[in-house]
C-alpha atoms as a PDB file:
ATOM      1  CA  MET A   1       0.000   0.000   0.000  1.00  0.00           C
ATOM      2  CA  LEU A   2       2.936   2.392  -0.331  1.00  0.00           C
ATOM      3  CA  GLY A   3       1.706   3.837  -3.602  1.00  0.00           C
ATOM      4  CA  SER A   4       3.151   6.877  -5.303  1.00  0.00           C
ATOM      5  CA  SER A   5       1.414   9.615  -3.315  1.00  0.00           C
ATOM      6  CA  GLY A   6       4.411  10.204  -1.077  1.00  0.00           C
ATOM      7  CA  VAL A   7       2.256   9.937   2.062  1.00  0.00           C
ATOM      8  CA  MET A   8       3.297   6.452   3.182  1.00  0.00           C
ATOM      9  CA  SER A   9       6.826   5.456   4.139  1.00  0.00           C
ATOM     10  CA  ASN A  10       8.525   2.296   5.340  1.00  0.00           C
ATOM     11  CA  GLY A  11       9.548   4.026   8.554  1.00  0.00           C
ATOM     12  CA  SER A  12      12.492   2.465  10.321  1.00  0.00           C
ATOM     13  CA  GLN A  13      12.576  -0.917   8.639  1.00  0.00           C
ATOM     14  CA  THR A  14      14.886  -3.377  10.384  1.00  0.00           C
ATOM     15  CA  GLU A  15      15.275  -7.144  10.196  1.00  0.00           C
ATOM     16  CA  THR A  16      12.898  -7.638  13.147  1.00  0.00           C
ATOM     17  CA  VAL A  17      10.125  -5.304  11.923  1.00  0.00           C
ATOM     18  CA  ARG A  18       7.367  -7.167  10.099  1.00  0.00           C
ATOM     19  CA  VAL A  19       5.443  -4.207   8.705  1.00  0.00           C
ATOM     20  CA  ALA A  20       6.355  -0.577   9.105  1.00  0.00           C
ATOM     21  CA  ARG A  21       4.033   1.679   7.182  1.00  0.00           C
ATOM     22  CA  GLN A  22       3.769   5.177   8.490  1.00  0.00           C
ATOM     23  CA  MET A  23       2.251   8.507   7.609  1.00  0.00           C
ATOM     24  CA  ARG A  24       4.353  11.372   8.896  1.00  0.00           C
ATOM     25  CA  PHE A  25       3.168  14.943   9.033  1.00  0.00           C
ATOM     26  CA  THR A  26       4.671  18.133  10.375  1.00  0.00           C
ATOM     27  CA  SER A  27       1.635  20.387  10.360  1.00  0.00           C
ATOM     28  CA  LEU A  28      -2.144  20.408  10.345  1.00  0.00           C
ATOM     29  CA  ALA A  29      -2.044  22.158   6.955  1.00  0.00           C
ATOM     30  CA  GLU A  30      -0.134  19.201   5.504  1.00  0.00           C
ATOM     31  CA  ILE A  31      -2.783  16.787   6.804  1.00  0.00           C
ATOM     32  CA  GLU A  32      -5.592  18.920   5.441  1.00  0.00           C
ATOM     33  CA  ALA A  33      -3.906  19.170   2.027  1.00  0.00           C
ATOM     34  CA  LYS A  34      -3.518  15.384   1.815  1.00  0.00           C
ATOM     35  CA  GLU A  35      -6.920  14.487   3.291  1.00  0.00           C
ATOM     36  CA  PRO A  36      -8.267  12.765   0.138  1.00  0.00           C
ATOM     37  CA  VAL A  37      -5.161  10.566  -0.114  1.00  0.00           C
ATOM     38  CA  ILE A  38      -5.269   9.749   3.611  1.00  0.00           C
ATOM     39  CA  ARG A  39      -8.945   8.803   3.415  1.00  0.00           C
ATOM     40  CA  ASP A  40      -8.191   6.586   0.401  1.00  0.00           C
ATOM     41  CA  TYR A  41      -5.437   4.773   2.338  1.00  0.00           C
ATOM     42  CA  VAL A  42      -7.776   4.218   5.292  1.00  0.00           C
ATOM     43  CA  ARG A  43     -10.508   2.811   3.008  1.00  0.00           C
ATOM     44  CA  ARG A  44      -7.971   0.516   1.323  1.00  0.00           C
ATOM     45  CA  ALA A  45      -6.602  -0.650   4.684  1.00  0.00           C
ATOM     46  CA  ILE A  46     -10.127  -1.496   5.864  1.00  0.00           C
ATOM     47  CA  ALA A  47     -10.759  -3.444   2.652  1.00  0.00           C
ATOM     48  CA  VAL A  48      -7.511  -5.388   3.114  1.00  0.00           C
ATOM     49  CA  GLU A  49      -8.478  -6.220   6.702  1.00  0.00           C
ATOM     50  CA  GLU A  50     -12.015  -7.259   5.764  1.00  0.00           C
ATOM     51  CA  ALA A  51     -10.691  -9.476   2.964  1.00  0.00           C
ATOM     52  CA  GLY A  52      -8.500 -11.286   5.476  1.00  0.00           C
ATOM     53  CA  LEU A  53      -5.335 -10.266   3.680  1.00  0.00           C
ATOM     54  CA  GLY A  54      -2.281  -8.951   5.416  1.00  0.00           C
ATOM     55  CA  VAL A  55       0.952 -10.051   6.982  1.00  0.00           C
ATOM     56  CA  ASP A  56       1.450 -13.376   8.706  1.00  0.00           C
ATOM     57  CA  PHE A  57       3.044 -12.105  11.910  1.00  0.00           C
ATOM     58  CA  ALA A  58       3.817 -15.645  13.085  1.00  0.00           C
ATOM     59  CA  GLU A  59       6.030 -16.238  10.062  1.00  0.00           C
ATOM     60  CA  GLY A  60       9.657 -15.540  10.883  1.00  0.00           C
ATOM     61  CA  ARG A  61       8.791 -14.877  14.513  1.00  0.00           C
ATOM     62  CA  ASP A  62      11.763 -16.760  15.902  1.00  0.00           C
ATOM     63  CA  LEU A  63      14.336 -14.075  16.580  1.00  0.00           C
ATOM     64  CA  PRO A  64      17.898 -14.783  17.708  1.00  0.00           C
ATOM     65  CA  VAL A  65      18.144 -15.892  21.342  1.00  0.00           C
ATOM     66  CA  PRO A  66      20.979 -14.500  23.480  1.00  0.00           C
ATOM     67  CA  GLY A  67      23.488 -17.130  24.542  1.00  0.00           C
ATOM     68  CA  GLU A  68      23.320 -15.898  28.128  1.00  0.00           C
ATOM     69  CA  ARG A  69      19.655 -16.830  28.322  1.00  0.00           C
ATOM     70  CA  GLU A  70      20.308 -20.338  27.081  1.00  0.00           C
ATOM     71  CA  GLU A  71      23.147 -20.707  29.600  1.00  0.00           C
ATOM     72  CA  LYS A  72      20.819 -19.662  32.442  1.00  0.00           C
ATOM     73  CA  PHE A  73      18.089 -21.990  31.182  1.00  0.00           C
ATOM     74  CA  ALA A  74      20.564 -24.878  31.124  1.00  0.00           C
ATOM     75  CA  ALA A  75      21.721 -24.076  34.662  1.00  0.00           C
ATOM     76  CA  MET A  76      18.190 -23.444  35.984  1.00  0.00           C
ATOM     77  CA  PRO A  77      15.586 -25.736  34.377  1.00  0.00           C
ATOM     78  CA  GLU A  78      12.852 -24.253  36.610  1.00  0.00           C
ATOM     79  CA  LEU A  79      13.584 -20.816  35.112  1.00  0.00           C
ATOM     80  CA  LYS A  80      13.192 -22.249  31.609  1.00  0.00           C
ATOM     81  CA  ALA A  81       9.914 -23.939  32.579  1.00  0.00           C
ATOM     82  CA  ALA A  82       8.563 -20.706  34.087  1.00  0.00           C
ATOM     83  CA  TRP A  83       9.568 -18.710  30.989  1.00  0.00           C
ATOM     84  CA  GLU A  84       7.977 -21.211  28.620  1.00  0.00           C
ATOM     85  CA  ALA A  85       4.759 -21.146  30.660  1.00  0.00           C
ATOM     86  CA  LEU A  86       4.350 -17.428  29.907  1.00  0.00           C
ATOM     87  CA  THR A  87       2.319 -16.298  26.922  1.00  0.00           C
ATOM     88  CA  PRO A  88       4.267 -14.506  24.170  1.00  0.00           C
ATOM     89  CA  GLY A  89       2.717 -11.193  25.233  1.00  0.00           C
ATOM     90  CA  ARG A  90       3.843 -11.629  28.816  1.00  0.00           C
ATOM     91  CA  ARG A  91       7.316 -12.599  27.661  1.00  0.00           C
ATOM     92  CA  ARG A  92       7.519  -9.368  25.669  1.00  0.00           C
ATOM     93  CA  ALA A  93       6.240  -7.400  28.666  1.00  0.00           C
ATOM     94  CA  TYR A  94       8.885  -8.857  30.985  1.00  0.00           C
ATOM     95  CA  THR A  95      11.614  -8.295  28.427  1.00  0.00           C
ATOM     96  CA  GLY A  96      10.459  -4.720  27.887  1.00  0.00           C
ATOM     97  CA  CYS A  97      10.405  -4.018  31.618  1.00  0.00           C
ATOM     98  CA  LEU A  98      13.909  -5.421  32.008  1.00  0.00           C
ATOM     99  CA  PHE A  99      15.247  -3.289  29.159  1.00  0.00           C
ATOM    100  CA  LEU A 100      13.495  -0.210  30.535  1.00  0.00           C
ATOM    101  CA  GLY A 101      15.021  -0.862  33.948  1.00  0.00           C
ATOM    102  CA  LEU A 102      18.433  -1.465  32.413  1.00  0.00           C
ATOM    103  CA  GLY A 103      18.191   1.811  30.514  1.00  0.00           C
ATOM    104  CA  LEU A 104      17.242   3.695  33.667  1.00  0.00           C
ATOM    105  CA  GLY A 105      20.098   2.029  35.509  1.00  0.00           C
ATOM    106  CA  MET A 106      22.531   3.086  32.805  1.00  0.00           C
ATOM    107  CA  VAL A 107      21.374   6.700  33.091  1.00  0.00           C
ATOM    108  CA  PHE A 108      22.160   6.677  36.818  1.00  0.00           C
ATOM    109  CA  ASP A 109      25.226   4.421  36.476  1.00  0.00           C
ATOM    110  CA  LYS A 110      23.472   1.689  38.500  1.00  0.00           C
ATOM    111  CA  THR A 111      22.689  -1.029  35.958  1.00  0.00           C
ATOM    112  CA  GLY A 112      22.187  -3.749  38.569  1.00  0.00           C
ATOM    113  CA  ALA A 113      19.619  -1.653  40.407  1.00  0.00           C
ATOM    114  CA  GLY A 114      17.968  -0.757  37.099  1.00  0.00           C
ATOM    115  CA  VAL A 115      17.563  -4.408  36.149  1.00  0.00           C
ATOM    116  CA  LEU A 116      16.020  -5.120  39.552  1.00  0.00           C
ATOM    117  CA  ILE A 117      13.634  -2.189  39.107  1.00  0.00           C
ATOM    118  CA  GLY A 118      12.694  -3.530  35.662  1.00  0.00           C
ATOM    119  CA  LEU A 119      12.162  -6.995  37.102  1.00  0.00           C
ATOM    120  CA  GLY A 120      10.002  -5.534  39.864  1.00  0.00           C
ATOM    121  CA  ALA A 121       7.977  -3.615  37.290  1.00  0.00           C
ATOM    122  CA  GLY A 122       7.523  -6.858  35.337  1.00  0.00           C
ATOM    123  CA  LEU A 123       6.339  -8.682  38.443  1.00  0.00           C
ATOM    124  CA  LEU A 124       3.887  -5.871  39.276  1.00  0.00           C
ATOM    125  CA  LEU A 125       2.641  -5.921  35.700  1.00  0.00           C
ATOM    126  CA  GLU A 126       2.168  -9.688  35.932  1.00  0.00           C
ATOM    127  CA  TYR A 127       0.286  -9.335  39.220  1.00  0.00           C
ATOM    128  CA  PHE A 128      -2.102  -6.666  37.967  1.00  0.00           C
ATOM    129  CA  TRP A 129      -2.461  -8.323  34.555  1.00  0.00           C
ATOM    130  CA  GLY A 130      -3.335 -11.599  36.233  1.00  0.00           C
ATOM    131  CA  HIS A 131      -5.849  -9.975  38.596  1.00  0.00           C
ATOM    132  CA  ARG A 132      -7.893  -8.018  36.073  1.00  0.00           C
ATOM    133  CA  ALA A 133     -11.622  -8.011  36.639  1.00  0.00           C
END
């Protein structure tokens, strides 16, 4: 759906991004000037969705696994079992929390504390996610 209108772009396409189609604007006037094209893209996207077409997000889902993780899994089978019991969404949430914590730790030159904060955030997220009404 990129087309030749110049409205859509591939964004920041990397090897792990499945689909990166973006519309970028810098002003309301730009949006207003391109309104017919934008509306056409939205209509086409709805038609693609309704037709059941699109990207198979499961295809190529297996990304490289860090060696450190496999070493820990080998040393701690209960850790591997707990990780594999999580849904893919919860795995991504934990990983995201850990990276967020690591980043915060790096800012304050306390990476160990940052990882623990990220882990704590992941555990809180798991608790509240698991206790939704």
